[in-house]
Amino acid sequence: MTNTMQMIVPHELTPEMRDAFHEANERYEDGIGESPDIQWRAMLNAAPKPAVQPAGLTDVLPTVAVEGDQLVIRITTKCLLHAVTCAPDWPTDETGMPVSVNNGPLLLQEIIHELQREDEQGTNSMHRLFDEAALDALNNGSQAVDYDEVHP
């Protein structure tokens, strides 16, 4: 397994993953394998496999993943153009229907420009997105920070 391979695992260990860890640890103590690699691989192999999604669904929905040392956000242009026209603030015509996009490639370029456009402080929409997501993680009880060190 290389560092670039990714898989979905449960947030909490399953009994099967715990058993796999202990079995692998016994093998390690008998001189087989390297720690923690042998235990980690055993737990990953014992992790439940996610349900298979309908064909093509993963190509449509936005995804976020860590690839190496980069956070990668992917969304198809078709999905993005559909999503923005469904936004609550998207303008509507006289019948109440969302106004249609008549030049998708141009709108995509304009969205990219807006995502990268900096305000007077050098902040852009992506910075605000990441700031909000990080604060949401903290507000939802993130276990990645030491709350004892938080000073108001």
N, C-alpha and C. Protein backbone atom coordinates (compact mmCIF):
# COMPACT_ATOMS: atom_id res chain seq x y z
N MET A 1 0.86 -1.17 0.00
CA MET A 1 0.00 0.00 0.00
C MET A 1 0.90 1.23 0.00
N THR A 2 0.64 2.17 -0.90
CA THR A 2 1.41 3.39 -0.95
C THR A 2 0.67 4.49 -0.22
N ASN A 3 1.36 5.59 0.06
CA ASN A 3 0.74 6.70 0.76
C ASN A 3 -0.36 7.38 -0.03
N THR A 4 -0.40 7.17 -1.34
CA THR A 4 -1.41 7.83 -2.16
C THR A 4 -2.72 7.05 -2.21
N MET A 5 -2.72 5.80 -1.76
CA MET A 5 -3.96 5.02 -1.76
C MET A 5 -4.85 5.50 -0.62
N GLN A 6 -6.13 5.59 -0.90
CA GLN A 6 -7.08 6.03 0.11
C GLN A 6 -8.26 5.06 0.15
N MET A 7 -8.88 5.01 1.31
CA MET A 7 -10.08 4.21 1.45
C MET A 7 -10.95 4.82 2.53
N ILE A 8 -12.19 4.46 2.53
CA ILE A 8 -13.12 4.93 3.54
C ILE A 8 -13.12 3.93 4.69
N VAL A 9 -12.95 4.42 5.91
CA VAL A 9 -12.97 3.57 7.09
C VAL A 9 -13.96 4.16 8.09
N PRO A 10 -14.48 3.33 8.98
CA PRO A 10 -15.43 3.85 9.97
C PRO A 10 -14.74 4.78 10.96
N HIS A 11 -15.50 5.70 11.52
CA HIS A 11 -14.97 6.64 12.51
C HIS A 11 -14.54 5.90 13.79
N GLU A 12 -15.27 4.88 14.16
CA GLU A 12 -14.95 4.06 15.33
C GLU A 12 -14.50 2.68 14.86
N LEU A 13 -13.59 2.08 15.60
CA LEU A 13 -13.13 0.73 15.26
C LEU A 13 -14.28 -0.27 15.41
N THR A 14 -14.34 -1.21 14.52
CA THR A 14 -15.32 -2.29 14.62
C THR A 14 -14.68 -3.43 15.41
N PRO A 15 -15.48 -4.36 15.94
CA PRO A 15 -14.91 -5.51 16.64
C PRO A 15 -13.95 -6.30 15.73
N GLU A 16 -14.30 -6.40 14.44
CA GLU A 16 -13.42 -7.13 13.51
C GLU A 16 -12.08 -6.43 13.35
N MET A 17 -12.10 -5.11 13.34
CA MET A 17 -10.84 -4.36 13.22
C MET A 17 -9.99 -4.53 14.48
N ARG A 18 -10.65 -4.54 15.64
CA ARG A 18 -9.91 -4.75 16.90
C ARG A 18 -9.28 -6.14 16.93
N ASP A 19 -10.07 -7.16 16.52
CA ASP A 19 -9.54 -8.52 16.48
C ASP A 19 -8.36 -8.62 15.52
N ALA A 20 -8.48 -7.98 14.37
CA ALA A 20 -7.40 -8.01 13.38
C ALA A 20 -6.14 -7.35 13.95
N PHE A 21 -6.32 -6.26 14.69
CA PHE A 21 -5.17 -5.60 15.31
C PHE A 21 -4.46 -6.56 16.27
N HIS A 22 -5.23 -7.20 17.15
CA HIS A 22 -4.62 -8.08 18.15
C HIS A 22 -3.93 -9.29 17.51
N GLU A 23 -4.56 -9.85 16.47
CA GLU A 23 -3.92 -10.97 15.76
C GLU A 23 -2.62 -10.52 15.09
N ALA A 24 -2.65 -9.35 14.48
CA ALA A 24 -1.45 -8.83 13.82
C ALA A 24 -0.38 -8.50 14.86
N ASN A 25 -0.79 -7.99 15.99
CA ASN A 25 0.17 -7.65 17.04
C ASN A 25 0.85 -8.91 17.57
N GLU A 26 0.09 -10.00 17.69
CA GLU A 26 0.69 -11.27 18.11
C GLU A 26 1.72 -11.74 17.08
N ARG A 27 1.40 -11.60 15.79
CA ARG A 27 2.37 -11.96 14.74
C ARG A 27 3.62 -11.08 14.87
N TYR A 28 3.42 -9.80 15.12
CA TYR A 28 4.57 -8.89 15.27
C TYR A 28 5.44 -9.33 16.46
N GLU A 29 4.78 -9.67 17.56
CA GLU A 29 5.54 -10.11 18.74
C GLU A 29 6.26 -11.43 18.49
N ASP A 30 5.78 -12.21 17.51
CA ASP A 30 6.47 -13.44 17.11
C ASP A 30 7.56 -13.16 16.08
N GLY A 31 7.80 -11.88 15.78
CA GLY A 31 8.87 -11.50 14.86
C GLY A 31 8.45 -11.36 13.42
N ILE A 32 7.14 -11.31 13.16
CA ILE A 32 6.66 -11.18 11.78
C ILE A 32 6.18 -9.75 11.56
N GLY A 33 6.75 -9.09 10.57
CA GLY A 33 6.28 -7.76 10.18
C GLY A 33 6.88 -6.65 11.02
N GLU A 34 6.53 -5.41 10.62
CA GLU A 34 7.01 -4.20 11.26
C GLU A 34 5.85 -3.49 11.92
N SER A 35 6.10 -2.97 13.11
CA SER A 35 5.05 -2.23 13.80
C SER A 35 5.20 -0.75 13.47
N PRO A 36 4.17 -0.01 13.24
CA PRO A 36 2.75 -0.34 13.33
C PRO A 36 2.15 -0.80 12.00
N ASP A 37 2.99 -0.99 10.98
CA ASP A 37 2.48 -1.31 9.64
C ASP A 37 1.62 -2.56 9.62
N ILE A 38 2.07 -3.63 10.26
CA ILE A 38 1.34 -4.89 10.20
C ILE A 38 -0.04 -4.76 10.85
N GLN A 39 -0.10 -4.05 11.97
CA GLN A 39 -1.38 -3.87 12.65
C GLN A 39 -2.31 -2.97 11.83
N TRP A 40 -1.73 -1.90 11.28
CA TRP A 40 -2.52 -0.95 10.49
C TRP A 40 -3.13 -1.64 9.26
N ARG A 41 -2.31 -2.40 8.54
CA ARG A 41 -2.82 -3.08 7.35
C ARG A 41 -3.89 -4.10 7.71
N ALA A 42 -3.69 -4.80 8.82
CA ALA A 42 -4.68 -5.79 9.24
C ALA A 42 -6.01 -5.11 9.57
N MET A 43 -5.96 -3.98 10.24
CA MET A 43 -7.20 -3.26 10.58
C MET A 43 -7.87 -2.73 9.31
N LEU A 44 -7.09 -2.21 8.36
CA LEU A 44 -7.67 -1.72 7.12
C LEU A 44 -8.33 -2.85 6.34
N ASN A 45 -7.68 -4.00 6.32
CA ASN A 45 -8.26 -5.15 5.60
C ASN A 45 -9.54 -5.64 6.25
N ALA A 46 -9.64 -5.46 7.57
CA ALA A 46 -10.84 -5.91 8.30
C ALA A 46 -11.94 -4.85 8.31
N ALA A 47 -11.63 -3.63 7.88
CA ALA A 47 -12.63 -2.56 7.90
C ALA A 47 -13.77 -2.90 6.95
N PRO A 48 -14.99 -2.54 7.33
CA PRO A 48 -16.12 -2.80 6.43
C PRO A 48 -15.96 -2.01 5.14
N LYS A 49 -16.34 -2.63 4.05
CA LYS A 49 -16.24 -1.98 2.75
C LYS A 49 -17.50 -1.15 2.53
N PRO A 50 -17.35 0.08 2.00
CA PRO A 50 -18.53 0.92 1.78
C PRO A 50 -19.43 0.31 0.72
N ALA A 51 -20.71 0.60 0.85
CA ALA A 51 -21.67 0.12 -0.15
C ALA A 51 -21.31 0.72 -1.50
N VAL A 52 -21.47 -0.06 -2.52
CA VAL A 52 -21.17 0.41 -3.87
C VAL A 52 -22.25 1.41 -4.29
N GLN A 53 -21.81 2.57 -4.78
CA GLN A 53 -22.75 3.58 -5.22
C GLN A 53 -23.17 3.29 -6.66
N PRO A 54 -24.36 3.75 -7.05
CA PRO A 54 -24.80 3.54 -8.43
C PRO A 54 -23.77 4.07 -9.42
N ALA A 55 -23.67 3.43 -10.54
CA ALA A 55 -22.68 3.80 -11.55
C ALA A 55 -22.82 5.27 -11.91
N GLY A 56 -21.69 5.94 -11.93
CA GLY A 56 -21.66 7.33 -12.34
C GLY A 56 -21.92 8.33 -11.24
N LEU A 57 -22.48 7.92 -10.10
CA LEU A 57 -22.80 8.86 -9.04
C LEU A 57 -21.55 9.52 -8.48
N THR A 58 -20.47 8.75 -8.33
CA THR A 58 -19.25 9.34 -7.80
C THR A 58 -18.62 10.32 -8.77
N ASP A 59 -18.99 10.24 -10.04
CA ASP A 59 -18.47 11.20 -11.02
C ASP A 59 -19.25 12.50 -11.02
N VAL A 60 -20.37 12.54 -10.33
CA VAL A 60 -21.23 13.71 -10.34
C VAL A 60 -21.11 14.52 -9.06
N LEU A 61 -21.13 13.85 -7.92
CA LEU A 61 -21.12 14.54 -6.64
C LEU A 61 -19.75 15.14 -6.33
N PRO A 62 -19.72 16.30 -5.68
CA PRO A 62 -18.44 16.89 -5.29
C PRO A 62 -17.73 15.98 -4.28
N THR A 63 -16.40 15.97 -4.34
CA THR A 63 -15.61 15.19 -3.39
C THR A 63 -14.51 16.07 -2.83
N VAL A 64 -14.08 15.74 -1.62
CA VAL A 64 -12.95 16.39 -0.98
C VAL A 64 -12.08 15.29 -0.41
N ALA A 65 -10.77 15.35 -0.68
CA ALA A 65 -9.86 14.32 -0.20
C ALA A 65 -8.48 14.93 0.00
N VAL A 66 -7.68 14.24 0.82
CA VAL A 66 -6.28 14.59 0.95
C VAL A 66 -5.50 13.66 0.04
N GLU A 67 -4.72 14.25 -0.85
CA GLU A 67 -3.87 13.48 -1.76
C GLU A 67 -2.44 13.96 -1.52
N GLY A 68 -1.66 13.09 -0.88
CA GLY A 68 -0.31 13.50 -0.49
C GLY A 68 -0.41 14.62 0.53
N ASP A 69 0.18 15.76 0.22
CA ASP A 69 0.11 16.90 1.14
C ASP A 69 -0.85 17.97 0.63
N GLN A 70 -1.81 17.59 -0.22
CA GLN A 70 -2.74 18.56 -0.79
C GLN A 70 -4.18 18.18 -0.50
N LEU A 71 -4.98 19.20 -0.19
CA LEU A 71 -6.42 19.03 -0.10
C LEU A 71 -6.97 19.24 -1.50
N VAL A 72 -7.71 18.27 -2.01
CA VAL A 72 -8.20 18.33 -3.38
C VAL A 72 -9.73 18.33 -3.35
N ILE A 73 -10.31 19.34 -3.96
CA ILE A 73 -11.76 19.45 -4.08
C ILE A 73 -12.11 19.26 -5.54
N ARG A 74 -12.99 18.30 -5.81
CA ARG A 74 -13.38 18.03 -7.19
C ARG A 74 -14.90 18.14 -7.33
N ILE A 75 -15.30 18.77 -8.40
CA ILE A 75 -16.71 18.86 -8.75
C ILE A 75 -16.77 18.97 -10.28
N THR A 76 -17.69 18.25 -10.88
CA THR A 76 -17.81 18.36 -12.33
C THR A 76 -18.37 19.74 -12.66
N THR A 77 -18.02 20.22 -13.83
CA THR A 77 -18.54 21.54 -14.23
C THR A 77 -20.06 21.50 -14.35
N LYS A 78 -20.60 20.39 -14.81
CA LYS A 78 -22.05 20.25 -14.92
C LYS A 78 -22.70 20.35 -13.53
N CYS A 79 -22.13 19.67 -12.55
CA CYS A 79 -22.67 19.71 -11.19
C CYS A 79 -22.57 21.12 -10.60
N LEU A 80 -21.44 21.78 -10.82
CA LEU A 80 -21.26 23.14 -10.29
C LEU A 80 -22.28 24.09 -10.90
N LEU A 81 -22.44 24.04 -12.21
CA LEU A 81 -23.41 24.93 -12.86
C LEU A 81 -24.83 24.65 -12.38
N HIS A 82 -25.15 23.39 -12.15
CA HIS A 82 -26.47 23.06 -11.62
C HIS A 82 -26.61 23.57 -10.18
N ALA A 83 -25.58 23.33 -9.36
CA ALA A 83 -25.64 23.71 -7.95
C ALA A 83 -25.82 25.21 -7.77
N VAL A 84 -25.09 26.01 -8.53
CA VAL A 84 -25.20 27.46 -8.34
C VAL A 84 -26.58 27.97 -8.74
N THR A 85 -27.20 27.35 -9.73
CA THR A 85 -28.54 27.81 -10.12
C THR A 85 -29.61 27.35 -9.13
N CYS A 86 -29.26 26.45 -8.22
CA CYS A 86 -30.20 26.01 -7.18
C CYS A 86 -29.99 26.76 -5.87
N ALA A 87 -28.99 27.64 -5.83
CA ALA A 87 -28.71 28.39 -4.61
C ALA A 87 -29.91 29.28 -4.28
N PRO A 88 -30.20 29.46 -2.98
CA PRO A 88 -31.37 30.27 -2.59
C PRO A 88 -31.33 31.70 -3.11
N ASP A 89 -30.14 32.26 -3.28
CA ASP A 89 -30.01 33.65 -3.71
C ASP A 89 -29.87 33.80 -5.23
N TRP A 90 -29.89 32.67 -5.98
CA TRP A 90 -29.77 32.76 -7.43
C TRP A 90 -31.02 33.47 -7.97
N PRO A 91 -30.84 34.40 -8.88
CA PRO A 91 -32.01 35.16 -9.39
C PRO A 91 -33.00 34.27 -10.14
N THR A 92 -34.25 34.68 -10.09
CA THR A 92 -35.31 33.94 -10.78
C THR A 92 -35.96 34.84 -11.81
N ASP A 93 -36.62 34.21 -12.76
CA ASP A 93 -37.34 34.98 -13.78
C ASP A 93 -38.74 35.31 -13.26
N GLU A 94 -39.57 35.91 -14.12
CA GLU A 94 -40.91 36.34 -13.70
C GLU A 94 -41.82 35.18 -13.31
N THR A 95 -41.47 33.95 -13.73
CA THR A 95 -42.29 32.78 -13.36
C THR A 95 -41.79 32.12 -12.07
N GLY A 96 -40.68 32.63 -11.53
CA GLY A 96 -40.12 32.04 -10.33
C GLY A 96 -39.08 30.96 -10.58
N MET A 97 -38.80 30.69 -11.85
CA MET A 97 -37.79 29.71 -12.22
C MET A 97 -36.41 30.36 -12.20
N PRO A 98 -35.36 29.58 -11.83
CA PRO A 98 -34.01 30.15 -11.85
C PRO A 98 -33.64 30.64 -13.25
N VAL A 99 -32.97 31.80 -13.33
CA VAL A 99 -32.52 32.26 -14.64
C VAL A 99 -31.52 31.25 -15.17
N SER A 100 -31.57 31.00 -16.46
CA SER A 100 -30.72 29.98 -17.05
C SER A 100 -29.35 30.54 -17.40
N VAL A 101 -28.37 29.68 -17.40
CA VAL A 101 -27.01 30.02 -17.78
C VAL A 101 -26.90 29.79 -19.29
N ASN A 102 -26.56 30.83 -20.04
CA ASN A 102 -26.46 30.67 -21.49
C ASN A 102 -25.02 30.53 -21.97
N ASN A 103 -24.05 30.68 -21.04
CA ASN A 103 -22.65 30.50 -21.40
C ASN A 103 -21.93 29.88 -20.20
N GLY A 104 -22.06 28.55 -20.08
CA GLY A 104 -21.46 27.84 -18.94
C GLY A 104 -19.97 28.04 -18.81
N PRO A 105 -19.17 27.89 -19.88
CA PRO A 105 -17.72 28.07 -19.75
C PRO A 105 -17.34 29.46 -19.24
N LEU A 106 -18.06 30.49 -19.69
CA LEU A 106 -17.76 31.83 -19.21
C LEU A 106 -18.10 31.97 -17.72
N LEU A 107 -19.26 31.45 -17.31
CA LEU A 107 -19.62 31.52 -15.90
C LEU A 107 -18.61 30.77 -15.04
N LEU A 108 -18.13 29.63 -15.52
CA LEU A 108 -17.11 28.89 -14.77
C LEU A 108 -15.85 29.72 -14.58
N GLN A 109 -15.41 30.39 -15.63
CA GLN A 109 -14.22 31.24 -15.52
C GLN A 109 -14.47 32.39 -14.54
N GLU A 110 -15.67 32.94 -14.55
CA GLU A 110 -16.00 34.03 -13.64
C GLU A 110 -16.06 33.52 -12.19
N ILE A 111 -16.55 32.32 -11.99
CA ILE A 111 -16.57 31.73 -10.64
C ILE A 111 -15.14 31.52 -10.16
N ILE A 112 -14.28 30.98 -11.00
CA ILE A 112 -12.87 30.79 -10.63
C ILE A 112 -12.25 32.12 -10.26
N HIS A 113 -12.51 33.14 -11.06
CA HIS A 113 -11.96 34.48 -10.76
C HIS A 113 -12.42 34.95 -9.38
N GLU A 114 -13.71 34.76 -9.09
CA GLU A 114 -14.24 35.20 -7.79
C GLU A 114 -13.65 34.39 -6.63
N LEU A 115 -13.42 33.11 -6.85
CA LEU A 115 -12.81 32.28 -5.80
C LEU A 115 -11.40 32.77 -5.47
N GLN A 116 -10.71 33.29 -6.45
CA GLN A 116 -9.32 33.71 -6.26
C GLN A 116 -9.16 35.20 -6.00
N ARG A 117 -10.22 36.00 -6.18
CA ARG A 117 -10.13 37.45 -6.00
C ARG A 117 -9.96 37.78 -4.52
N GLU A 118 -8.91 38.54 -4.22
CA GLU A 118 -8.60 38.90 -2.85
C GLU A 118 -9.21 40.23 -2.47
N ASP A 119 -9.64 40.33 -1.21
CA ASP A 119 -10.12 41.61 -0.70
C ASP A 119 -8.93 42.45 -0.21
N GLU A 120 -9.21 43.54 0.46
CA GLU A 120 -8.15 44.45 0.91
C GLU A 120 -7.16 43.79 1.88
N GLN A 121 -7.61 42.79 2.62
CA GLN A 121 -6.75 42.09 3.58
C GLN A 121 -6.02 40.90 2.95
N GLY A 122 -6.24 40.64 1.67
CA GLY A 122 -5.59 39.51 1.01
C GLY A 122 -6.34 38.20 1.19
N THR A 123 -7.58 38.27 1.65
CA THR A 123 -8.40 37.08 1.86
C THR A 123 -9.30 36.87 0.64
N ASN A 124 -9.56 35.60 0.33
CA ASN A 124 -10.48 35.32 -0.77
C ASN A 124 -11.56 34.35 -0.30
N SER A 125 -12.47 34.01 -1.20
CA SER A 125 -13.60 33.13 -0.85
C SER A 125 -13.14 31.77 -0.34
N MET A 126 -12.05 31.25 -0.91
CA MET A 126 -11.55 29.95 -0.45
C MET A 126 -11.04 30.04 0.98
N HIS A 127 -10.35 31.12 1.32
CA HIS A 127 -9.88 31.28 2.71
C HIS A 127 -11.07 31.25 3.67
N ARG A 128 -12.12 32.00 3.31
CA ARG A 128 -13.30 32.06 4.19
C ARG A 128 -13.98 30.69 4.28
N LEU A 129 -14.02 29.95 3.16
CA LEU A 129 -14.59 28.61 3.16
C LEU A 129 -13.84 27.70 4.14
N PHE A 130 -12.50 27.72 4.07
CA PHE A 130 -11.70 26.86 4.93
C PHE A 130 -11.80 27.30 6.39
N ASP A 131 -11.81 28.62 6.64
CA ASP A 131 -11.97 29.12 8.01
C ASP A 131 -13.29 28.65 8.60
N GLU A 132 -14.36 28.77 7.82
CA GLU A 132 -15.68 28.36 8.31
C GLU A 132 -15.74 26.86 8.55
N ALA A 133 -15.15 26.07 7.65
CA ALA A 133 -15.17 24.62 7.81
C ALA A 133 -14.36 24.21 9.05
N ALA A 134 -13.22 24.86 9.29
CA ALA A 134 -12.41 24.54 10.47
C ALA A 134 -13.17 24.89 11.75
N LEU A 135 -13.81 26.04 11.78
CA LEU A 135 -14.59 26.42 12.96
C LEU A 135 -15.78 25.49 13.17
N ASP A 136 -16.41 25.07 12.08
CA ASP A 136 -17.51 24.10 12.19
C ASP A 136 -17.00 22.79 12.79
N ALA A 137 -15.81 22.36 12.37
CA ALA A 137 -15.23 21.13 12.94
C ALA A 137 -15.02 21.29 14.44
N LEU A 138 -14.49 22.44 14.86
CA LEU A 138 -14.29 22.68 16.29
C LEU A 138 -15.62 22.70 17.03
N ASN A 139 -16.59 23.40 16.46
CA ASN A 139 -17.91 23.51 17.10
C ASN A 139 -18.64 22.17 17.17
N ASN A 140 -18.25 21.24 16.30
CA ASN A 140 -18.85 19.91 16.31
C ASN A 140 -18.03 18.91 17.12
N GLY A 141 -17.08 19.43 17.93
CA GLY A 141 -16.35 18.57 18.86
C GLY A 141 -15.11 17.92 18.29
N SER A 142 -14.41 18.58 17.39
CA SER A 142 -13.19 18.02 16.80
C SER A 142 -12.29 17.46 17.90
N GLN A 143 -11.74 16.28 17.63
CA GLN A 143 -10.81 15.66 18.56
C GLN A 143 -9.36 15.95 18.18
N ALA A 144 -9.16 16.85 17.20
CA ALA A 144 -7.82 17.14 16.69
C ALA A 144 -7.12 18.27 17.42
N VAL A 145 -7.80 18.92 18.35
CA VAL A 145 -7.18 20.04 19.07
C VAL A 145 -7.24 19.79 20.56
N ASP A 146 -6.36 20.47 21.27
CA ASP A 146 -6.31 20.38 22.72
C ASP A 146 -7.09 21.56 23.28
N TYR A 147 -8.34 21.32 23.68
CA TYR A 147 -9.19 22.39 24.15
C TYR A 147 -8.72 22.99 25.48
N ASP A 148 -7.84 22.27 26.21
CA ASP A 148 -7.32 22.81 27.46
C ASP A 148 -6.43 24.01 27.22
N GLU A 149 -5.92 24.16 26.00
CA GLU A 149 -5.02 25.26 25.69
C GLU A 149 -5.74 26.45 25.08
N VAL A 150 -7.06 26.38 24.93
CA VAL A 150 -7.81 27.49 24.33
C VAL A 150 -7.92 28.62 25.34
N HIS A 151 -7.52 29.82 24.90
CA HIS A 151 -7.61 31.01 25.76
C HIS A 151 -8.51 32.02 25.07
N PRO A 152 -9.53 32.50 25.81
CA PRO A 152 -10.46 33.47 25.19
C PRO A 152 -9.78 34.79 24.88
